Amino acid sequence: AKPTENQLSIANHYFINSNSIFEEYTAARFGNEARFVLNNILQEKDIAIAAGGSTLYYQAFLEGLDDMPPTNKEAIEKVQQLFDNEGLTGLQQTLISADPVYMEKADTQNHRRLMRALEVYFSSGKPFSSFFNQSEKQSHIYKTIKIGLDVPRDILYDKINKRCDEMLADGLLDEVKQLYPHRNLRSMQTVGYSEFFSFLDGEMTLPQAIDKFKQHTRNYAKRQLTWFRKNTEIRWFSPEQFDEIVAYIEQAKNTSM
């Protein structure tokens, strides 16, 4: 969910309401634009805070990512048919053969990420992972202090359920209804939209859609945690350890710059 107007007024935010749903937006483009913003911030400040979730965008921002080649209609249809016929398992097995390097680091439970990788592979004839490290690595340009916030699973899931309820109370369903004519756009195939599009299509009841919305959000959070826990550079804290986090940042700044 987007930050509230009050949250946006407290500190400068970037990439909020920045793009049209009709616009094709890639992780490589985000990485370039985010580093441009970061460079501007660091001209005036010693520290910039990057917070977020999408693992591919995280990697594109910190390490750089080549622009992906265009995907063709035949490849998109081929991958969609594979998913329709064989599901997530079919995507996983095909990608293990086509691009084992990517599968070692990929979110293997995220079918959209796997489909994207296969679309690139079938369109270009090159593994998806081959486009990751051709650009000069960007991470050495900045000193990056990586911090993870660790919350017990039951508390995390309770917070997610409550946040989903807040989004619904703030008008999520009305937003979905406005976007319904554009439901087939790639940008609309996300958690929080797809469940309620199914409700509007008559495929499930509203309570079922709400349950799916919460379930899929919890599943997404679990996949994110699994991916980030593989990163040994991340130092994990409880959200309540504010003073410890600040001390760790100061120590990391002073010893690593």
C-alpha atoms as a PDB file:
ATOM      1  CA  ALA A   1       0.000   0.000   0.000  1.00  0.00           C
ATOM      2  CA  LYS A   2       1.121   3.551  -0.649  1.00  0.00           C
ATOM      3  CA  PRO A   3       2.169   5.751   2.264  1.00  0.00           C
ATOM      4  CA  THR A   4      -0.557   8.000   3.644  1.00  0.00           C
ATOM      5  CA  GLU A   5      -0.619  11.719   2.900  1.00  0.00           C
ATOM      6  CA  ASN A   6       0.592  12.344   6.452  1.00  0.00           C
ATOM      7  CA  GLN A   7       3.522   9.962   6.010  1.00  0.00           C
ATOM      8  CA  LEU A   8       4.417  11.565   2.700  1.00  0.00           C
ATOM      9  CA  SER A   9       4.470  14.985   4.364  1.00  0.00           C
ATOM     10  CA  ILE A  10       6.923  13.918   7.071  1.00  0.00           C
ATOM     11  CA  ALA A  11       9.764  12.947   4.735  1.00  0.00           C
ATOM     12  CA  ASN A  12      10.469  13.134   1.021  1.00  0.00           C
ATOM     13  CA  HIS A  13       9.406   9.981  -0.810  1.00  0.00           C
ATOM     14  CA  TYR A  14      10.261   8.955  -4.344  1.00  0.00           C
ATOM     15  CA  PHE A  15       8.570   6.760  -6.954  1.00  0.00           C
ATOM     16  CA  ILE A  16       5.111   7.302  -5.467  1.00  0.00           C
ATOM     17  CA  ASN A  17       2.449   8.061  -8.125  1.00  0.00           C
ATOM     18  CA  SER A  18       5.315   8.344 -10.585  1.00  0.00           C
ATOM     19  CA  ASN A  19       4.159   6.139 -13.463  1.00  0.00           C
ATOM     20  CA  SER A  20       1.061   5.298 -15.463  1.00  0.00           C
ATOM     21  CA  ILE A  21      -0.484   1.831 -15.309  1.00  0.00           C
ATOM     22  CA  PHE A  22      -0.233   1.809 -19.114  1.00  0.00           C
ATOM     23  CA  GLU A  23       3.526   2.283 -19.026  1.00  0.00           C
ATOM     24  CA  GLU A  24       5.923  -0.621 -19.354  1.00  0.00           C
ATOM     25  CA  TYR A  25       8.270  -0.347 -16.393  1.00  0.00           C
ATOM     26  CA  THR A  26      11.248  -2.610 -15.846  1.00  0.00           C
ATOM     27  CA  ALA A  27      13.559  -3.360 -12.957  1.00  0.00           C
ATOM     28  CA  ALA A  28      16.516  -2.141 -15.027  1.00  0.00           C
ATOM     29  CA  ARG A  29      14.843   1.223 -15.574  1.00  0.00           C
ATOM     30  CA  PHE A  30      13.998   1.488 -11.888  1.00  0.00           C
ATOM     31  CA  GLY A  31      17.602   0.756 -10.934  1.00  0.00           C
ATOM     32  CA  ASN A  32      18.892   3.536 -13.172  1.00  0.00           C
ATOM     33  CA  GLU A  33      16.298   6.062 -12.018  1.00  0.00           C
ATOM     34  CA  ALA A  34      16.722   5.153  -8.348  1.00  0.00           C
ATOM     35  CA  ARG A  35      20.490   5.619  -8.511  1.00  0.00           C
ATOM     36  CA  PHE A  36      19.990   9.002 -10.167  1.00  0.00           C
ATOM     37  CA  VAL A  37      17.757  10.062  -7.265  1.00  0.00           C
ATOM     38  CA  LEU A  38      20.219   8.605  -4.770  1.00  0.00           C
ATOM     39  CA  ASN A  39      23.110  10.571  -6.239  1.00  0.00           C
ATOM     40  CA  ASN A  40      21.114  13.792  -5.870  1.00  0.00           C
ATOM     41  CA  ILE A  41      20.264  12.986  -2.247  1.00  0.00           C
ATOM     42  CA  LEU A  42      23.868  12.188  -1.361  1.00  0.00           C
ATOM     43  CA  GLN A  43      24.997  15.569  -2.619  1.00  0.00           C
ATOM     44  CA  GLU A  44      23.166  17.089   0.350  1.00  0.00           C
ATOM     45  CA  LYS A  45      22.919  14.246   2.880  1.00  0.00           C
ATOM     46  CA  ASP A  46      25.277  11.648   4.263  1.00  0.00           C
ATOM     47  CA  ILE A  47      22.655   8.915   4.347  1.00  0.00           C
ATOM     48  CA  ALA A  48      19.685   7.944   2.205  1.00  0.00           C
ATOM     49  CA  ILE A  49      17.149   5.324   3.273  1.00  0.00           C
ATOM     50  CA  ALA A  50      15.926   2.804   0.727  1.00  0.00           C
ATOM     51  CA  ALA A  51      13.051   0.677   1.994  1.00  0.00           C
ATOM     52  CA  GLY A  52      11.224  -1.929   0.074  1.00  0.00           C
ATOM     53  CA  GLY A  53      10.235  -5.279  -0.951  1.00  0.00           C
ATOM     54  CA  SER A  54      10.518  -6.415  -4.543  1.00  0.00           C
ATOM     55  CA  THR A  55      13.634  -8.547  -4.613  1.00  0.00           C
ATOM     56  CA  LEU A  56      14.394  -8.059  -8.320  1.00  0.00           C
ATOM     57  CA  TYR A  57      14.099  -4.278  -8.009  1.00  0.00           C
ATOM     58  CA  TYR A  58      16.274  -4.392  -4.893  1.00  0.00           C
ATOM     59  CA  GLN A  59      18.956  -6.202  -6.855  1.00  0.00           C
ATOM     60  CA  ALA A  60      18.655  -3.872  -9.845  1.00  0.00           C
ATOM     61  CA  PHE A  61      19.087  -0.850  -7.591  1.00  0.00           C
ATOM     62  CA  LEU A  62      22.130  -2.090  -5.678  1.00  0.00           C
ATOM     63  CA  GLU A  63      23.952  -4.070  -8.347  1.00  0.00           C
ATOM     64  CA  GLY A  64      22.742  -2.778 -11.681  1.00  0.00           C
ATOM     65  CA  LEU A  65      20.791  -4.673 -14.299  1.00  0.00           C
ATOM     66  CA  ASP A  66      20.990  -4.595 -18.060  1.00  0.00           C
ATOM     67  CA  ASP A  67      17.908  -3.587 -19.986  1.00  0.00           C
ATOM     68  CA  MET A  68      16.021  -6.712 -20.885  1.00  0.00           C
ATOM     69  CA  PRO A  69      15.412  -7.474 -24.563  1.00  0.00           C
ATOM     70  CA  PRO A  70      11.862  -7.066 -25.836  1.00  0.00           C
ATOM     71  CA  THR A  71       9.672 -10.132 -25.518  1.00  0.00           C
ATOM     72  CA  ASN A  72       7.637 -11.332 -28.467  1.00  0.00           C
ATOM     73  CA  LYS A  73       4.034 -12.470 -28.589  1.00  0.00           C
ATOM     74  CA  GLU A  74       4.940 -16.069 -29.371  1.00  0.00           C
ATOM     75  CA  ALA A  75       7.135 -16.376 -26.293  1.00  0.00           C
ATOM     76  CA  ILE A  76       4.522 -14.791 -24.022  1.00  0.00           C
ATOM     77  CA  GLU A  77       1.834 -17.153 -25.308  1.00  0.00           C
ATOM     78  CA  LYS A  78       4.150 -20.170 -25.007  1.00  0.00           C
ATOM     79  CA  VAL A  79       4.924 -19.394 -21.360  1.00  0.00           C
ATOM     80  CA  GLN A  80       1.274 -18.708 -20.545  1.00  0.00           C
ATOM     81  CA  GLN A  81       0.273 -22.041 -22.081  1.00  0.00           C
ATOM     82  CA  LEU A  82       2.982 -23.794 -20.064  1.00  0.00           C
ATOM     83  CA  PHE A  83       1.645 -22.241 -16.865  1.00  0.00           C
ATOM     84  CA  ASP A  84      -1.965 -23.023 -17.760  1.00  0.00           C
ATOM     85  CA  ASN A  85      -1.162 -26.673 -18.509  1.00  0.00           C
ATOM     86  CA  GLU A  86       1.519 -27.514 -15.943  1.00  0.00           C
ATOM     87  CA  GLY A  87       1.281 -24.779 -13.327  1.00  0.00           C
ATOM     88  CA  LEU A  88       4.146 -23.583 -11.145  1.00  0.00           C
ATOM     89  CA  THR A  89       5.913 -26.956 -11.349  1.00  0.00           C
ATOM     90  CA  GLY A  90       6.116 -26.719 -15.136  1.00  0.00           C
ATOM     91  CA  LEU A  91       7.637 -23.250 -14.930  1.00  0.00           C
ATOM     92  CA  GLN A  92      10.178 -24.382 -12.348  1.00  0.00           C
ATOM     93  CA  GLN A  93      11.268 -27.466 -14.280  1.00  0.00           C
ATOM     94  CA  THR A  94      11.589 -25.581 -17.561  1.00  0.00           C
ATOM     95  CA  LEU A  95      13.587 -22.782 -15.996  1.00  0.00           C
ATOM     96  CA  ILE A  96      15.909 -25.164 -14.135  1.00  0.00           C
ATOM     97  CA  SER A  97      16.900 -26.538 -17.525  1.00  0.00           C
ATOM     98  CA  ALA A  98      17.004 -23.166 -19.306  1.00  0.00           C
ATOM     99  CA  ASP A  99      18.628 -21.050 -16.619  1.00  0.00           C
ATOM    100  CA  PRO A 100      19.930 -22.905 -13.535  1.00  0.00           C
ATOM    101  CA  VAL A 101      21.928 -19.848 -12.458  1.00  0.00           C
ATOM    102  CA  TYR A 102      18.793 -17.739 -12.090  1.00  0.00           C
ATOM    103  CA  MET A 103      16.941 -20.530 -10.318  1.00  0.00           C
ATOM    104  CA  GLU A 104      19.581 -20.554  -7.579  1.00  0.00           C
ATOM    105  CA  LYS A 105      18.670 -16.998  -6.581  1.00  0.00           C
ATOM    106  CA  ALA A 106      15.097 -16.654  -7.841  1.00  0.00           C
ATOM    107  CA  ASP A 107      11.910 -16.571  -5.816  1.00  0.00           C
ATOM    108  CA  THR A 108      10.899 -19.974  -7.134  1.00  0.00           C
ATOM    109  CA  GLN A 109       7.365 -19.719  -5.718  1.00  0.00           C
ATOM    110  CA  ASN A 110       6.605 -16.495  -7.589  1.00  0.00           C
ATOM    111  CA  HIS A 111       5.112 -17.658 -10.873  1.00  0.00           C
ATOM    112  CA  ARG A 112       5.139 -14.170 -12.398  1.00  0.00           C
ATOM    113  CA  ARG A 113       8.890 -13.840 -11.897  1.00  0.00           C
ATOM    114  CA  LEU A 114       9.459 -17.271 -13.433  1.00  0.00           C
ATOM    115  CA  MET A 115       7.181 -16.477 -16.354  1.00  0.00           C
ATOM    116  CA  ARG A 116       9.054 -13.238 -17.004  1.00  0.00           C
ATOM    117  CA  ALA A 117      12.388 -15.078 -16.999  1.00  0.00           C
ATOM    118  CA  LEU A 118      11.093 -17.660 -19.470  1.00  0.00           C
ATOM    119  CA  GLU A 119       9.579 -14.981 -21.714  1.00  0.00           C
ATOM    120  CA  VAL A 120      13.007 -13.346 -21.962  1.00  0.00           C
ATOM    121  CA  TYR A 121      14.675 -16.712 -22.555  1.00  0.00           C
ATOM    122  CA  PHE A 122      12.302 -17.813 -25.324  1.00  0.00           C
ATOM    123  CA  SER A 123      12.403 -14.360 -26.971  1.00  0.00           C
ATOM    124  CA  SER A 124      16.166 -13.800 -26.889  1.00  0.00           C
ATOM    125  CA  GLY A 125      17.560 -17.318 -26.751  1.00  0.00           C
ATOM    126  CA  LYS A 126      19.688 -16.216 -23.806  1.00  0.00           C
ATOM    127  CA  PRO A 127      19.261 -17.067 -20.110  1.00  0.00           C
ATOM    128  CA  PHE A 128      17.553 -14.413 -18.014  1.00  0.00           C
ATOM    129  CA  SER A 129      20.520 -14.415 -15.639  1.00  0.00           C
ATOM    130  CA  SER A 130      22.896 -13.411 -18.441  1.00  0.00           C
ATOM    131  CA  PHE A 131      21.464  -9.892 -18.313  1.00  0.00           C
ATOM    132  CA  PHE A 132      22.139  -9.413 -14.614  1.00  0.00           C
ATOM    133  CA  ASN A 133      25.866  -8.893 -14.457  1.00  0.00           C
ATOM    134  CA  GLN A 134      26.838  -7.566 -17.872  1.00  0.00           C
ATOM    135  CA  SER A 135      26.522  -4.007 -16.556  1.00  0.00           C
ATOM    136  CA  GLU A 136      29.290  -2.743 -14.320  1.00  0.00           C
ATOM    137  CA  LYS A 137      28.444  -3.578 -10.736  1.00  0.00           C
ATOM    138  CA  GLN A 138      26.953  -0.583  -8.997  1.00  0.00           C
ATOM    139  CA  SER A 139      27.161  -1.687  -5.369  1.00  0.00           C
ATOM    140  CA  HIS A 140      30.807  -0.656  -4.973  1.00  0.00           C
ATOM    141  CA  ILE A 141      29.897   2.979  -5.633  1.00  0.00           C
ATOM    142  CA  TYR A 142      28.017   3.262  -2.349  1.00  0.00           C
ATOM    143  CA  LYS A 143      28.575   2.052   1.156  1.00  0.00           C
ATOM    144  CA  THR A 144      25.443   0.002   1.764  1.00  0.00           C
ATOM    145  CA  ILE A 145      24.280  -0.823   5.286  1.00  0.00           C
ATOM    146  CA  LYS A 146      21.704  -3.573   5.042  1.00  0.00           C
ATOM    147  CA  ILE A 147      19.190  -3.917   7.869  1.00  0.00           C
ATOM    148  CA  GLY A 148      16.325  -6.372   8.182  1.00  0.00           C
ATOM    149  CA  LEU A 149      13.417  -6.064  10.584  1.00  0.00           C
ATOM    150  CA  ASP A 150      12.603  -9.418  12.129  1.00  0.00           C
ATOM    151  CA  VAL A 151       9.086  -9.973  13.495  1.00  0.00           C
ATOM    152  CA  PRO A 152       7.701 -13.257  14.895  1.00  0.00           C
ATOM    153  CA  ARG A 153       5.626 -14.949  12.217  1.00  0.00           C
ATOM    154  CA  ASP A 154       2.318 -14.795  14.129  1.00  0.00           C
ATOM    155  CA  ILE A 155       2.734 -11.090  14.850  1.00  0.00           C
ATOM    156  CA  LEU A 156       3.750 -10.387  11.254  1.00  0.00           C
ATOM    157  CA  TYR A 157       0.721 -12.179   9.852  1.00  0.00           C
ATOM    158  CA  ASP A 158      -1.588 -10.389  12.281  1.00  0.00           C
ATOM    159  CA  LYS A 159      -0.140  -7.042  11.159  1.00  0.00           C
ATOM    160  CA  ILE A 160      -0.619  -8.033   7.514  1.00  0.00           C
ATOM    161  CA  ASN A 161      -4.264  -8.987   8.097  1.00  0.00           C
ATOM    162  CA  LYS A 162      -4.943  -5.700   9.878  1.00  0.00           C
ATOM    163  CA  ARG A 163      -3.173  -3.723   7.150  1.00  0.00           C
ATOM    164  CA  CYS A 164      -5.326  -5.432   4.522  1.00  0.00           C
ATOM    165  CA  ASP A 165      -8.440  -4.471   6.501  1.00  0.00           C
ATOM    166  CA  GLU A 166      -7.201  -0.867   6.663  1.00  0.00           C
ATOM    167  CA  MET A 167      -6.680  -0.796   2.901  1.00  0.00           C
ATOM    168  CA  LEU A 168     -10.223  -2.026   2.355  1.00  0.00           C
ATOM    169  CA  ALA A 169     -11.571   0.571   4.786  1.00  0.00           C
ATOM    170  CA  ASP A 170      -9.609   3.247   2.901  1.00  0.00           C
ATOM    171  CA  GLY A 171     -11.338   2.403  -0.381  1.00  0.00           C
ATOM    172  CA  LEU A 172      -9.340  -0.372  -2.045  1.00  0.00           C
ATOM    173  CA  LEU A 173     -12.437  -1.986  -3.544  1.00  0.00           C
ATOM    174  CA  ASP A 174     -13.563   1.319  -5.083  1.00  0.00           C
ATOM    175  CA  GLU A 175     -10.088   1.703  -6.579  1.00  0.00           C
ATOM    176  CA  VAL A 176     -10.298  -1.801  -8.043  1.00  0.00           C
ATOM    177  CA  LYS A 177     -13.680  -1.027  -9.586  1.00  0.00           C
ATOM    178  CA  GLN A 178     -12.213   2.044 -11.291  1.00  0.00           C
ATOM    179  CA  LEU A 179      -9.347  -0.039 -12.663  1.00  0.00           C
ATOM    180  CA  TYR A 180     -11.529  -2.989 -13.686  1.00  0.00           C
ATOM    181  CA  PRO A 181     -11.648  -2.021 -17.399  1.00  0.00           C
ATOM    182  CA  HIS A 182      -7.859  -2.320 -17.448  1.00  0.00           C
ATOM    183  CA  ARG A 183      -7.642  -5.566 -15.482  1.00  0.00           C
ATOM    184  CA  ASN A 184      -5.716  -7.403 -18.215  1.00  0.00           C
ATOM    185  CA  LEU A 185      -2.740  -5.043 -18.120  1.00  0.00           C
ATOM    186  CA  ARG A 186       0.473  -6.569 -16.773  1.00  0.00           C
ATOM    187  CA  SER A 187       0.667  -3.815 -14.147  1.00  0.00           C
ATOM    188  CA  MET A 188      -2.684  -4.945 -12.742  1.00  0.00           C
ATOM    189  CA  GLN A 189      -1.596  -8.537 -12.127  1.00  0.00           C
ATOM    190  CA  THR A 190      -0.672  -7.894  -8.517  1.00  0.00           C
ATOM    191  CA  VAL A 191      -1.781  -8.926  -5.050  1.00  0.00           C
ATOM    192  CA  GLY A 192      -4.642  -6.710  -3.948  1.00  0.00           C
ATOM    193  CA  TYR A 193      -6.046  -6.223  -7.433  1.00  0.00           C
ATOM    194  CA  SER A 194      -6.277  -9.696  -8.955  1.00  0.00           C
ATOM    195  CA  GLU A 195      -8.353 -11.128  -6.079  1.00  0.00           C
ATOM    196  CA  PHE A 196     -10.989  -8.418  -6.364  1.00  0.00           C
ATOM    197  CA  PHE A 197     -11.025  -8.593 -10.155  1.00  0.00           C
ATOM    198  CA  SER A 198     -12.002 -12.242  -9.657  1.00  0.00           C
ATOM    199  CA  PHE A 199     -14.768 -11.116  -7.308  1.00  0.00           C
ATOM    200  CA  LEU A 200     -16.054  -8.617  -9.865  1.00  0.00           C
ATOM    201  CA  ASP A 201     -15.923 -11.347 -12.511  1.00  0.00           C
ATOM    202  CA  GLY A 202     -18.207 -13.468 -10.315  1.00  0.00           C
ATOM    203  CA  GLU A 203     -15.566 -16.131  -9.694  1.00  0.00           C
ATOM    204  CA  MET A 204     -15.729 -15.792  -5.901  1.00  0.00           C
ATOM    205  CA  THR A 205     -17.650 -14.006  -3.179  1.00  0.00           C
ATOM    206  CA  LEU A 206     -16.382 -10.841  -1.533  1.00  0.00           C
ATOM    207  CA  PRO A 207     -15.450 -12.640   1.724  1.00  0.00           C
ATOM    208  CA  GLN A 208     -13.541 -15.212  -0.323  1.00  0.00           C
ATOM    209  CA  ALA A 209     -11.714 -12.456  -2.199  1.00  0.00           C
ATOM    210  CA  ILE A 210     -10.768 -10.765   1.077  1.00  0.00           C
ATOM    211  CA  ASP A 211      -9.452 -14.051   2.464  1.00  0.00           C
ATOM    212  CA  LYS A 212      -7.420 -14.618  -0.712  1.00  0.00           C
ATOM    213  CA  PHE A 213      -6.098 -11.051  -0.555  1.00  0.00           C
ATOM    214  CA  LYS A 214      -4.800 -11.625   2.964  1.00  0.00           C
ATOM    215  CA  GLN A 215      -3.468 -15.090   2.179  1.00  0.00           C
ATOM    216  CA  HIS A 216      -1.593 -13.970  -0.924  1.00  0.00           C
ATOM    217  CA  THR A 217      -0.121 -11.003   0.933  1.00  0.00           C
ATOM    218  CA  ARG A 218       1.118 -13.303   3.699  1.00  0.00           C
ATOM    219  CA  ASN A 219       2.563 -15.677   1.079  1.00  0.00           C
ATOM    220  CA  TYR A 220       4.368 -12.782  -0.587  1.00  0.00           C
ATOM    221  CA  ALA A 221       5.856 -11.670   2.733  1.00  0.00           C
ATOM    222  CA  LYS A 222       7.054 -15.216   3.399  1.00  0.00           C
ATOM    223  CA  ARG A 223       8.769 -15.392   0.004  1.00  0.00           C
ATOM    224  CA  GLN A 224      10.436 -12.050   0.618  1.00  0.00           C
ATOM    225  CA  LEU A 225      11.775 -13.196   3.976  1.00  0.00           C
ATOM    226  CA  THR A 226      13.095 -16.411   2.461  1.00  0.00           C
ATOM    227  CA  TRP A 227      14.957 -14.448  -0.214  1.00  0.00           C
ATOM    228  CA  PHE A 228      16.385 -11.818   2.118  1.00  0.00           C
ATOM    229  CA  ARG A 229      17.522 -14.352   4.704  1.00  0.00           C
ATOM    230  CA  LYS A 230      19.881 -15.772   2.102  1.00  0.00           C
ATOM    231  CA  ASN A 231      21.744 -12.452   2.131  1.00  0.00           C
ATOM    232  CA  THR A 232      24.455 -12.757   4.757  1.00  0.00           C
ATOM    233  CA  GLU A 233      25.169  -9.006   4.612  1.00  0.00           C
ATOM    234  CA  ILE A 234      21.841  -8.181   6.234  1.00  0.00           C
ATOM    235  CA  ARG A 235      21.886  -7.524   9.983  1.00  0.00           C
ATOM    236  CA  TRP A 236      18.568  -8.412  11.563  1.00  0.00           C
ATOM    237  CA  PHE A 237      16.884  -6.468  14.379  1.00  0.00           C
ATOM    238  CA  SER A 238      13.533  -6.341  16.084  1.00  0.00           C
ATOM    239  CA  PRO A 239      11.584  -3.207  15.070  1.00  0.00           C
ATOM    240  CA  GLU A 240      11.643  -2.172  18.748  1.00  0.00           C
ATOM    241  CA  GLN A 241      15.453  -2.038  18.773  1.00  0.00           C
ATOM    242  CA  PHE A 242      15.583   1.521  17.461  1.00  0.00           C
ATOM    243  CA  ASP A 243      18.580   2.609  19.535  1.00  0.00           C
ATOM    244  CA  GLU A 244      20.504  -0.525  18.586  1.00  0.00           C
ATOM    245  CA  ILE A 245      19.778   0.058  14.904  1.00  0.00           C
ATOM    246  CA  VAL A 246      20.998   3.664  15.079  1.00  0.00           C
ATOM    247  CA  ALA A 247      24.136   2.550  16.931  1.00  0.00           C
ATOM    248  CA  TYR A 248      24.807  -0.141  14.333  1.00  0.00           C
ATOM    249  CA  ILE A 249      24.459   2.379  11.502  1.00  0.00           C
ATOM    250  CA  GLU A 250      26.849   4.800  13.202  1.00  0.00           C
ATOM    251  CA  GLN A 251      29.350   2.027  13.806  1.00  0.00           C
ATOM    252  CA  ALA A 252      29.104   0.803  10.223  1.00  0.00           C
ATOM    253  CA  LYS A 253      29.546   4.352   8.915  1.00  0.00           C
ATOM    254  CA  ASN A 254      32.612   5.034  11.017  1.00  0.00           C
ATOM    255  CA  THR A 255      34.377   1.747  10.380  1.00  0.00           C
ATOM    256  CA  SER A 256      33.642   1.202   6.715  1.00  0.00           C
ATOM    257  CA  MET A 257      33.859   4.548   4.982  1.00  0.00           C
END
